[in-house]
Amino acid sequence: MHIQIDNLQGPEIAALLEDHLHSMTLHSPPESIHALDLDKLRKPEITFWTLWDQGELLGCGAIKELDPEHAELKSMKTDTKHLRKGVAEKLLVHILEEARGRGYKRISLETGSMDAFAPARKLYEKHGFTESGPFGDYAADPHSMFMTKEL
């Protein structure tokens, strides 16, 4: 398995992100969906990684720089064929190492508060994220949980 910075051009990543956006609509009302589409991920303040194994896309994740000391974890998604195989954890560890290397002092995230998002929240808690309030441009939302980790 290898992780690489992705240029968001391949059909595999387009399909994975389309699935990601669709799955958000199954569990969250439209006003509470904060997942980014391909165009919104192609911003200079966002770095996007993909994890591959023998030419197959297993998952993705990104960080968005909010300011020189604070980043946001974005677009964590594992292909459904590879759930519970450690894909998300491998990406998360990589992204946290990158965030530290860039000198961020804190990384925050928004995820769903519903049961469907419990596995993600459990993974984030395992890696030191704790519940926090809204950050950046987010507002309090009963469908969202905000978490942060000091680096």
Protein backbone atom coordinates (compact mmCIF):
# COMPACT_ATOMS: atom_id res chain seq x y z
CA MET A 1 0.00 0.00 0.00
CA HIS A 2 1.18 3.51 -0.70
CA ILE A 3 -0.13 7.00 -0.04
CA GLN A 4 0.35 9.80 -2.54
CA ILE A 5 -0.72 13.38 -3.07
CA ASP A 6 -3.47 13.19 -5.65
CA ASN A 7 -4.19 15.65 -8.45
CA LEU A 8 -7.93 14.82 -8.35
CA GLN A 9 -8.00 13.99 -12.07
CA GLY A 10 -8.51 10.23 -12.16
CA PRO A 11 -11.88 8.52 -12.67
CA GLU A 12 -11.35 6.37 -9.56
CA ILE A 13 -11.15 9.37 -7.25
CA ALA A 14 -14.12 11.02 -8.97
CA ALA A 15 -16.18 7.88 -8.32
CA LEU A 16 -15.03 7.59 -4.69
CA LEU A 17 -15.87 11.23 -3.98
CA GLU A 18 -19.23 10.89 -5.72
CA ASP A 19 -19.95 7.93 -3.43
CA HIS A 20 -18.80 10.01 -0.45
CA LEU A 21 -21.16 12.86 -1.32
CA HIS A 22 -24.02 10.43 -1.96
CA SER A 23 -23.50 8.67 1.37
CA MET A 24 -23.68 12.03 3.13
CA THR A 25 -27.16 12.58 1.66
CA LEU A 26 -28.31 9.29 3.20
CA HIS A 27 -27.40 10.35 6.74
CA SER A 28 -27.46 14.16 6.89
CA PRO A 29 -29.88 16.90 5.89
CA PRO A 30 -28.57 19.04 2.99
CA GLU A 31 -27.75 22.04 5.20
CA SER A 32 -25.54 19.82 7.38
CA ILE A 33 -23.43 18.31 4.59
CA HIS A 34 -19.94 19.81 4.56
CA ALA A 35 -18.20 17.33 2.25
CA LEU A 36 -16.41 18.98 -0.67
CA ASP A 37 -16.79 18.09 -4.33
CA LEU A 38 -13.85 17.81 -6.74
CA ASP A 39 -13.80 21.51 -7.66
CA LYS A 40 -13.85 22.65 -4.04
CA LEU A 41 -11.02 20.23 -3.21
CA ARG A 42 -8.84 21.78 -5.94
CA LYS A 43 -7.90 24.78 -3.83
CA PRO A 44 -4.33 25.77 -2.93
CA GLU A 45 -5.05 25.56 0.81
CA ILE A 46 -6.10 21.88 0.47
CA THR A 47 -3.76 18.90 0.17
CA PHE A 48 -5.48 15.69 -0.89
CA TRP A 49 -4.03 12.19 -0.48
CA THR A 50 -5.10 8.82 -1.80
CA LEU A 51 -4.14 5.35 -0.62
CA TRP A 52 -3.56 2.70 -3.27
CA ASP A 53 -2.75 -1.00 -3.34
CA GLN A 54 -1.73 -2.71 -6.57
CA GLY A 55 -3.43 -0.05 -8.68
CA GLU A 56 -6.66 -0.06 -6.68
CA LEU A 57 -7.87 3.04 -4.84
CA LEU A 58 -8.65 2.16 -1.22
CA GLY A 59 -9.40 5.56 0.31
CA CYS A 60 -8.68 9.26 0.56
CA GLY A 61 -8.26 12.12 2.99
CA ALA A 62 -7.25 15.77 2.98
CA ILE A 63 -6.29 18.72 5.10
CA LYS A 64 -7.29 22.32 4.59
CA GLU A 65 -5.11 25.03 6.06
CA LEU A 66 -7.25 27.39 8.11
CA ASP A 67 -4.31 29.48 9.28
CA PRO A 68 -0.56 28.83 9.75
CA GLU A 69 -1.20 26.95 13.02
CA HIS A 70 -4.57 25.29 12.42
CA ALA A 71 -5.73 22.78 9.79
CA GLU A 72 -8.99 20.98 9.13
CA LEU A 73 -9.23 17.28 8.34
CA LYS A 74 -11.46 16.84 5.27
CA SER A 75 -12.77 14.17 2.91
CA MET A 76 -11.88 11.02 4.82
CA LYS A 77 -13.42 8.17 2.83
CA THR A 78 -12.70 4.46 2.50
CA ASP A 79 -13.95 2.52 -0.50
CA THR A 80 -16.78 0.28 0.72
CA LYS A 81 -14.90 -2.84 -0.47
CA HIS A 82 -12.11 -2.01 1.99
CA LEU A 83 -13.97 -1.03 5.15
CA ARG A 84 -12.48 -2.27 8.45
CA LYS A 85 -9.11 -3.07 6.89
CA GLY A 86 -7.22 -0.14 8.44
CA VAL A 87 -7.40 2.15 5.41
CA ALA A 88 -8.79 5.17 7.28
CA GLU A 89 -6.36 4.71 10.15
CA LYS A 90 -3.38 4.53 7.80
CA LEU A 91 -4.51 7.73 6.06
CA LEU A 92 -5.24 9.49 9.35
CA VAL A 93 -1.80 8.66 10.78
CA HIS A 94 -0.17 9.92 7.57
CA ILE A 95 -2.17 13.16 7.59
CA LEU A 96 -1.40 13.80 11.27
CA GLU A 97 2.32 13.31 10.58
CA GLU A 98 2.10 15.74 7.66
CA ALA A 99 0.25 18.28 9.80
CA ARG A 100 2.95 18.11 12.48
CA GLY A 101 5.64 18.42 9.82
CA ARG A 102 4.00 21.57 8.50
CA GLY A 103 4.04 23.10 11.96
CA TYR A 104 0.32 23.09 12.65
CA LYS A 105 -0.42 23.23 16.35
CA ARG A 106 -4.00 21.95 16.02
CA ILE A 107 -6.12 19.96 13.62
CA SER A 108 -9.92 20.02 13.76
CA LEU A 109 -12.73 18.23 11.97
CA GLU A 110 -16.47 18.16 11.50
CA THR A 111 -18.29 14.84 11.27
CA GLY A 112 -21.84 13.68 11.65
CA SER A 113 -23.44 13.21 15.05
CA MET A 114 -25.66 10.34 13.88
CA ASP A 115 -24.99 6.63 14.48
CA ALA A 116 -23.72 6.13 10.92
CA PHE A 117 -20.69 8.26 11.82
CA ALA A 118 -19.87 6.42 15.07
CA PRO A 119 -17.02 4.35 13.55
CA ALA A 120 -15.35 7.54 12.30
CA ARG A 121 -15.74 9.27 15.66
CA LYS A 122 -14.28 6.21 17.40
CA LEU A 123 -11.24 6.30 15.11
CA TYR A 124 -10.72 10.01 15.73
CA GLU A 125 -11.02 9.53 19.51
CA LYS A 126 -8.49 6.68 19.35
CA HIS A 127 -6.03 9.15 17.80
CA GLY A 128 -6.53 11.85 20.41
CA PHE A 129 -9.31 13.98 18.98
CA THR A 130 -11.74 15.34 21.55
CA GLU A 131 -15.12 16.95 21.16
CA SER A 132 -14.97 20.72 20.68
CA GLY A 133 -17.16 23.53 19.48
CA PRO A 134 -17.53 24.81 15.94
CA PHE A 135 -14.43 26.28 14.31
CA GLY A 136 -13.69 28.24 11.15
CA ASP A 137 -16.90 29.05 9.29
CA TYR A 138 -18.96 26.32 10.97
CA ALA A 139 -21.98 27.04 13.17
CA ALA A 140 -23.47 24.85 15.88
CA ASP A 141 -25.58 22.12 14.29
CA PRO A 142 -27.31 19.16 15.97
CA HIS A 143 -26.28 16.98 13.01
CA SER A 144 -22.59 17.83 13.37
CA MET A 145 -19.92 16.93 15.88
CA PHE A 146 -16.77 19.02 16.01
CA MET A 147 -13.52 17.51 17.23
CA THR A 148 -9.99 18.82 17.62
CA LYS A 149 -6.52 17.54 18.44
CA GLU A 150 -3.55 19.52 19.70
CA LEU A 151 -0.39 18.52 17.82
